[in-house]
Amino acid sequence: MELDSVRELKGMLSKQTMLLGDSAQFRSVSSGAARSFSLSTGLKRTLALGITPKKAGFVLAVRIQHRTFDQSRELETIMKKAKGEVDVRYIGAVRKRAVPWYRQRQRPLRIGCSVGHYKITAGTLGAFVRPRDGGEIAILSNNHVLANENDAKKGDPVLQPGRYDKGRKKRDVVARLEAFIPLNHAKANVVDCATATLNNGMEANLKNIRGLGTLKGVRNAFVDEGTRVAKLGRTTGLTRGRVTAFELDNVVIEYDSGLLKFDNQLEIEGEGATAFSAGGDSGSLIVDEELLAVGLLFAGGDQGGTNGQGLTYANPIHAVLDALKVDFCL
């Protein structure tokens, strides 16, 4: 299909009740009886829709987040409307990336090291940015890494390494929370991002991504399936992979505060037989082969992908920078 045709189809399907997750009744394959999968936030794991290239054109990317939909009427309807031009994959539950793993203290601060709000486990320092209207250099990472899923206030301490990597408020405060885009339970999110201003005198290696080179800027070219990417994160270190879907809507992510829905996301799988990310890699900056930023890693699952190692999800980097009104320190 043509790209515009797939976008139109995705938009039409996304408006249908079967994908909303807040009111639909879903048919169980195992029992053959209709039953509702009720969750505390009112969201349900359903079907995420995006776009992926195939041969000379594009097809609808369908990502199944609950086994109920493997052979469901909903999936059958989608396949009929798409006339079979679909790429269907089971991705299972997708969770935020922030779990405890030991990482060391870094001075000067570096892209890819352990960092986090003083009340969370630990995530990854994605990059260094500066406000577009002027101001101090700041750390860029996720809301759930620097702002504790909205449960934080401006000026809160940010530790390096993170608390689960033995970071302590008495000795390891390197920055103060500056700004974050609130995570929304009532409507779809596009970004999970925040910044924290560096403490006076705190040194940082602003552009180097160890093992890759110097960050060059932001990718302006179209990001599609097959784009080769890499990231440096606190848990899995340097990994490489490729984009497997883009403009992915209705991705439901597990957070401590409940399930949240995200639209317009990037999907990435690891290279070879390795996972692209693991718990604690949240906040990692994802770059292409030219070291141009592509996305900000925020979630992932341990199922799906051609290598069976799970899939990773990222906010498009332009959306992150525009939402926070910041640019990279280059």
Protein backbone atom coordinates (compact mmCIF):
# COMPACT_ATOMS: atom_id res chain seq x y z
CA MET A 1 0.00 0.00 0.00
CA GLU A 2 0.98 3.63 -0.34
CA LEU A 3 2.11 5.30 2.91
CA ASP A 4 -0.86 7.70 2.95
CA SER A 5 -3.27 4.78 2.47
CA VAL A 6 -1.82 2.91 5.46
CA ARG A 7 -1.99 6.06 7.58
CA GLU A 8 -5.63 6.55 6.62
CA LEU A 9 -6.44 2.90 7.43
CA LYS A 10 -4.64 3.11 10.76
CA GLY A 11 -6.51 6.27 11.66
CA MET A 12 -9.86 4.72 10.80
CA LEU A 13 -9.18 1.55 12.78
CA SER A 14 -7.82 3.45 15.78
CA LYS A 15 -11.17 5.23 16.16
CA GLN A 16 -13.08 1.98 16.36
CA THR A 17 -14.33 0.80 19.75
CA MET A 18 -12.38 -2.45 19.58
CA LEU A 19 -9.09 -0.58 20.01
CA LEU A 20 -9.99 1.94 22.70
CA GLY A 21 -9.49 -0.39 25.65
CA ASP A 22 -11.76 1.62 27.97
CA SER A 23 -15.15 0.30 26.97
CA ALA A 24 -14.81 -2.68 24.66
CA GLN A 25 -15.72 -6.27 25.47
CA PHE A 26 -13.22 -8.79 24.10
CA ARG A 27 -13.84 -12.40 23.10
CA SER A 28 -11.70 -15.04 24.81
CA VAL A 29 -10.26 -17.63 22.41
CA SER A 30 -9.79 -20.21 25.15
CA SER A 31 -13.33 -20.16 26.52
CA GLY A 32 -15.26 -18.89 23.52
CA ALA A 33 -17.18 -16.54 25.81
CA ALA A 34 -17.01 -12.75 25.82
CA ARG A 35 -15.34 -11.30 28.88
CA SER A 36 -13.87 -7.92 29.83
CA PHE A 37 -10.25 -7.57 30.91
CA SER A 38 -10.63 -4.98 33.63
CA LEU A 39 -7.59 -3.09 34.92
CA SER A 40 -7.27 -0.46 37.64
CA THR A 41 -6.76 2.44 35.25
CA GLY A 42 -9.58 1.46 32.92
CA LEU A 43 -7.12 0.66 30.12
CA LYS A 44 -6.77 -2.83 28.70
CA ARG A 45 -3.92 -4.43 26.80
CA THR A 46 -5.22 -4.52 23.27
CA LEU A 47 -3.78 -4.04 19.79
CA ALA A 48 -1.21 -1.40 18.86
CA LEU A 49 -1.24 -0.17 15.27
CA GLY A 50 1.62 1.32 13.28
CA ILE A 51 3.30 1.21 9.88
CA THR A 52 6.11 -0.93 8.53
CA PRO A 53 7.59 -1.12 5.02
CA LYS A 54 7.36 -4.36 3.05
CA LYS A 55 9.08 -4.72 -0.29
CA ALA A 56 8.07 -1.75 -2.46
CA GLY A 57 5.33 -0.35 -0.24
CA PHE A 58 4.01 -0.17 3.31
CA VAL A 59 1.74 -2.37 5.40
CA LEU A 60 -0.17 -2.02 8.64
CA ALA A 61 1.90 -3.05 11.69
CA VAL A 62 -0.33 -4.87 14.22
CA ARG A 63 1.15 -5.53 17.65
CA ILE A 64 -0.80 -7.91 19.90
CA GLN A 65 -0.49 -7.08 23.60
CA HIS A 66 -2.78 -9.82 24.93
CA ARG A 67 -3.10 -13.46 23.76
CA THR A 68 -6.86 -13.00 23.61
CA PHE A 69 -6.37 -11.31 20.23
CA ASP A 70 -4.27 -14.05 18.59
CA GLN A 71 -7.29 -15.48 16.76
CA SER A 72 -9.90 -12.91 17.63
CA ARG A 73 -12.71 -11.39 15.59
CA GLU A 74 -11.04 -8.00 16.10
CA LEU A 75 -7.81 -9.17 14.46
CA GLU A 76 -9.76 -10.87 11.66
CA THR A 77 -11.63 -7.61 11.00
CA ILE A 78 -8.39 -5.64 10.82
CA MET A 79 -6.83 -8.14 8.41
CA LYS A 80 -9.91 -7.99 6.17
CA LYS A 81 -9.93 -4.19 6.10
CA ALA A 82 -6.20 -4.21 5.31
CA LYS A 83 -6.78 -6.89 2.65
CA GLY A 84 -4.12 -9.03 4.26
CA GLU A 85 -1.43 -6.36 4.00
CA VAL A 86 -0.41 -6.56 7.63
CA ASP A 87 2.64 -7.37 9.74
CA VAL A 88 1.29 -9.09 12.88
CA ARG A 89 3.49 -9.75 15.92
CA TYR A 90 2.80 -10.73 19.51
CA ILE A 91 4.68 -8.37 21.87
CA GLY A 92 3.03 -9.25 25.19
CA ALA A 93 3.12 -6.89 28.16
CA VAL A 94 5.29 -3.79 27.67
CA ARG A 95 6.77 -2.27 30.80
CA LYS A 96 8.69 0.86 31.68
CA ARG A 97 12.46 0.39 31.79
CA ALA A 98 13.70 1.05 35.32
CA VAL A 99 14.85 -1.84 37.56
CA PRO A 100 17.88 -2.22 39.84
CA TRP A 101 21.30 -3.16 38.39
CA TYR A 102 24.64 -2.01 39.74
CA ARG A 103 26.42 0.76 37.80
CA GLN A 104 29.34 2.93 38.88
CA ARG A 105 29.76 6.59 39.77
CA GLN A 106 30.84 8.73 36.78
CA ARG A 107 32.68 12.06 37.09
CA PRO A 108 32.53 13.84 34.76
CA LEU A 109 28.99 12.80 33.94
CA ARG A 110 28.60 10.82 30.74
CA ILE A 111 25.84 9.90 28.33
CA GLY A 112 24.59 6.40 29.13
CA CYS A 113 25.38 6.26 32.86
CA SER A 114 23.07 5.44 35.78
CA VAL A 115 20.92 8.32 37.00
CA GLY A 116 17.60 8.86 38.73
CA HIS A 117 15.31 10.86 40.98
CA TYR A 118 16.29 10.16 44.57
CA LYS A 119 13.12 8.10 45.17
CA ILE A 120 13.33 5.76 42.15
CA THR A 121 15.50 2.75 41.32
CA ALA A 122 17.71 3.88 38.42
CA GLY A 123 17.52 4.76 34.76
CA THR A 124 19.83 6.17 32.12
CA LEU A 125 21.25 9.62 31.45
CA GLY A 126 20.22 10.10 27.83
CA ALA A 127 21.95 13.32 26.81
CA PHE A 128 22.75 16.90 27.79
CA VAL A 129 20.49 19.73 26.65
CA ARG A 130 20.02 23.47 27.06
CA PRO A 131 16.72 25.44 27.07
CA ARG A 132 15.99 27.20 23.79
CA ASP A 133 15.38 30.49 25.58
CA GLY A 134 18.75 30.25 27.35
CA GLY A 135 19.67 28.72 30.65
CA GLU A 136 21.81 26.10 32.31
CA ILE A 137 22.90 22.73 30.93
CA ALA A 138 20.57 19.93 31.93
CA ILE A 139 20.29 16.15 31.86
CA LEU A 140 17.69 14.67 29.50
CA SER A 141 15.95 11.43 30.46
CA ASN A 142 12.43 10.10 31.08
CA ASN A 143 9.75 11.50 33.37
CA HIS A 144 9.71 8.17 35.22
CA VAL A 145 13.49 8.39 35.69
CA LEU A 146 13.90 12.04 36.74
CA ALA A 147 10.39 12.99 37.94
CA ASN A 148 9.16 9.73 39.49
CA GLU A 149 6.06 9.43 37.27
CA ASN A 150 4.81 12.98 38.04
CA ASP A 151 5.33 12.45 41.79
CA ALA A 152 8.09 15.06 42.04
CA LYS A 153 8.55 18.79 42.16
CA LYS A 154 10.99 21.22 40.58
CA GLY A 155 14.26 21.24 42.48
CA ASP A 156 14.11 17.61 43.63
CA PRO A 157 17.54 15.93 43.83
CA VAL A 158 18.74 13.72 40.99
CA LEU A 159 21.41 11.15 41.82
CA GLN A 160 24.28 9.69 39.82
CA PRO A 161 24.49 6.77 40.17
CA GLY A 162 20.83 6.04 40.81
CA ARG A 163 19.63 4.87 44.22
CA TYR A 164 19.71 1.17 43.33
CA ASP A 165 23.26 1.59 42.10
CA LYS A 166 24.21 2.78 45.61
CA GLY A 167 23.69 6.47 44.88
CA ARG A 168 23.00 8.47 48.06
CA LYS A 169 21.60 11.96 48.65
CA LYS A 170 24.50 12.90 50.94
CA ARG A 171 27.17 12.45 48.28
CA ASP A 172 25.70 11.81 44.82
CA VAL A 173 23.30 14.66 43.98
CA VAL A 174 24.44 15.93 40.58
CA ALA A 175 21.38 17.83 39.35
CA ARG A 176 17.96 19.21 40.30
CA LEU A 177 14.70 18.46 38.52
CA GLU A 178 13.91 21.31 36.16
CA ALA A 179 10.95 20.31 33.97
CA PHE A 180 8.89 17.33 32.93
CA ILE A 181 5.96 16.56 30.65
CA PRO A 182 3.23 15.05 32.85
CA LEU A 183 2.22 11.47 32.12
CA ASN A 184 -1.50 11.43 31.37
CA HIS A 185 -3.90 8.64 32.37
CA ALA A 186 -6.89 10.24 30.65
CA LYS A 187 -5.59 10.40 27.07
CA ALA A 188 -2.79 9.12 24.87
CA ASN A 189 0.75 10.24 25.64
CA VAL A 190 3.44 10.93 23.06
CA VAL A 191 6.47 11.49 25.29
CA ASP A 192 7.89 10.34 28.62
CA CYS A 193 10.59 12.93 29.22
CA ALA A 194 12.13 15.32 31.74
CA THR A 195 15.19 17.48 32.38
CA ALA A 196 17.33 18.18 35.45
CA THR A 197 19.71 21.16 35.65
CA LEU A 198 23.31 20.32 36.55
CA ASN A 199 24.64 21.52 39.88
CA ASN A 200 27.13 24.39 39.79
CA GLY A 201 30.60 23.10 39.02
CA MET A 202 29.41 19.67 37.90
CA GLU A 203 31.51 18.58 34.93
CA ALA A 204 30.06 16.60 32.07
CA ASN A 205 31.22 15.06 28.81
CA LEU A 206 28.47 16.64 26.75
CA LYS A 207 28.71 14.90 23.38
CA ASN A 208 30.63 11.64 23.57
CA ILE A 209 28.75 8.35 23.45
CA ARG A 210 31.33 5.84 24.62
CA GLY A 211 31.90 3.13 22.02
CA LEU A 212 30.16 5.07 19.27
CA GLY A 213 31.67 8.55 19.00
CA THR A 214 30.38 12.11 19.13
CA LEU A 215 26.70 12.98 18.98
CA LYS A 216 26.19 14.93 15.74
CA GLY A 217 22.68 16.30 16.12
CA VAL A 218 19.11 15.28 15.31
CA ARG A 219 18.06 13.11 12.39
CA ASN A 220 15.80 15.01 10.04
CA ALA A 221 15.48 12.24 7.47
CA PHE A 222 12.44 9.96 7.56
CA VAL A 223 12.79 7.20 10.16
CA ASP A 224 11.28 3.97 8.88
CA GLU A 225 11.53 0.22 9.21
CA GLY A 226 15.07 -0.95 8.67
CA THR A 227 16.78 2.19 10.00
CA ARG A 228 19.81 0.90 11.91
CA VAL A 229 20.24 2.35 15.38
CA ALA A 230 22.26 2.04 18.58
CA LYS A 231 22.05 3.12 22.20
CA LEU A 232 24.17 3.23 25.36
CA GLY A 233 22.24 2.34 28.52
CA ARG A 234 23.02 1.65 32.18
CA THR A 235 21.95 -1.99 32.08
CA THR A 236 22.80 -3.49 28.70
CA GLY A 237 25.46 -0.95 27.71
CA LEU A 238 26.04 -0.47 24.00
CA THR A 239 23.55 -2.34 21.81
CA ARG A 240 22.58 -2.12 18.18
CA GLY A 241 19.33 -2.83 16.40
CA ARG A 242 16.88 -1.67 13.77
CA VAL A 243 13.54 0.12 13.67
CA THR A 244 10.75 -2.41 13.08
CA ALA A 245 7.75 -0.04 13.10
CA PHE A 246 7.05 3.68 13.31
CA GLU A 247 4.03 5.90 14.05
CA LEU A 248 2.84 3.08 16.33
CA ASP A 249 -0.36 4.06 18.18
CA ASN A 250 -2.25 2.55 21.10
CA VAL A 251 0.80 1.03 22.81
CA VAL A 252 -0.19 0.32 26.42
CA ILE A 253 2.69 0.51 28.91
CA GLU A 254 2.84 -0.70 32.51
CA TYR A 255 3.86 2.00 35.02
CA ASP A 256 3.86 1.94 38.80
CA SER A 257 0.85 4.27 38.65
CA GLY A 258 -1.05 1.99 36.25
CA LEU A 259 -1.36 1.49 32.50
CA LEU A 260 -0.73 4.40 30.13
CA LYS A 261 -1.38 4.63 26.41
CA PHE A 262 1.15 6.04 23.93
CA ASP A 263 0.76 7.09 20.29
CA ASN A 264 3.25 7.80 17.49
CA GLN A 265 6.03 5.63 18.91
CA LEU A 266 9.08 3.91 17.42
CA GLU A 267 9.58 0.16 17.79
CA ILE A 268 13.08 -1.36 17.77
CA GLU A 269 14.48 -4.88 17.96
CA GLY A 270 18.02 -5.91 18.83
CA GLU A 271 20.64 -7.03 16.34
CA GLY A 272 21.37 -10.72 16.00
CA ALA A 273 20.30 -12.78 19.02
CA THR A 274 20.49 -9.97 21.58
CA ALA A 275 17.88 -7.71 23.16
CA PHE A 276 18.13 -4.02 22.36
CA SER A 277 17.35 -3.03 25.95
CA ALA A 278 16.52 -4.27 29.44
CA GLY A 279 15.22 -2.85 32.69
CA GLY A 280 17.15 0.26 33.69
CA ASP A 281 17.91 1.39 30.12
CA SER A 282 15.03 3.91 30.29
CA GLY A 283 16.16 7.34 29.18
CA SER A 284 18.80 6.08 26.74
CA LEU A 285 19.33 8.19 23.64
CA ILE A 286 18.88 6.21 20.42
CA VAL A 287 21.03 7.28 17.47
CA ASP A 288 21.37 6.21 13.84
CA GLU A 289 24.55 5.18 12.02
CA GLU A 290 25.51 8.81 11.50
CA LEU A 291 25.21 9.48 15.26
CA LEU A 292 22.10 11.58 14.76
CA ALA A 293 19.50 11.26 17.51
CA VAL A 294 16.36 9.30 16.59
CA GLY A 295 14.48 8.63 19.82
CA LEU A 296 14.39 8.48 23.61
CA LEU A 297 14.02 4.94 24.95
CA PHE A 298 11.30 4.56 27.58
CA ALA A 299 9.85 1.03 27.57
CA GLY A 300 10.22 -2.50 26.36
CA GLY A 301 9.01 -6.07 26.61
CA ASP A 302 10.68 -9.46 26.74
CA GLN A 303 8.58 -11.02 23.98
CA GLY A 304 8.29 -10.40 20.25
CA GLY A 305 10.81 -9.57 17.58
CA THR A 306 12.28 -11.87 14.95
CA ASN A 307 15.00 -12.94 17.40
CA GLY A 308 12.56 -13.62 20.23
CA GLN A 309 14.40 -11.24 22.57
CA GLY A 310 11.65 -8.66 22.93
CA LEU A 311 11.00 -5.22 21.49
CA THR A 312 11.92 -1.73 22.66
CA TYR A 313 9.82 1.44 22.39
CA ALA A 314 11.00 5.02 22.04
CA ASN A 315 9.54 8.52 21.77
CA PRO A 316 10.49 10.30 18.51
CA ILE A 317 13.30 12.68 19.48
CA HIS A 318 11.77 15.73 17.75
CA ALA A 319 8.64 15.32 19.90
CA VAL A 320 10.78 15.14 23.05
CA LEU A 321 12.89 18.21 22.31
CA ASP A 322 9.89 20.28 21.19
CA ALA A 323 7.82 19.31 24.23
CA LEU A 324 10.59 20.37 26.63
CA LYS A 325 11.72 23.30 24.43
CA VAL A 326 15.37 22.23 24.59
CA ASP A 327 18.20 21.40 22.18
CA PHE A 328 21.26 19.17 22.50
CA CYS A 329 24.54 20.62 23.72
CA LEU A 330 26.68 20.18 20.60
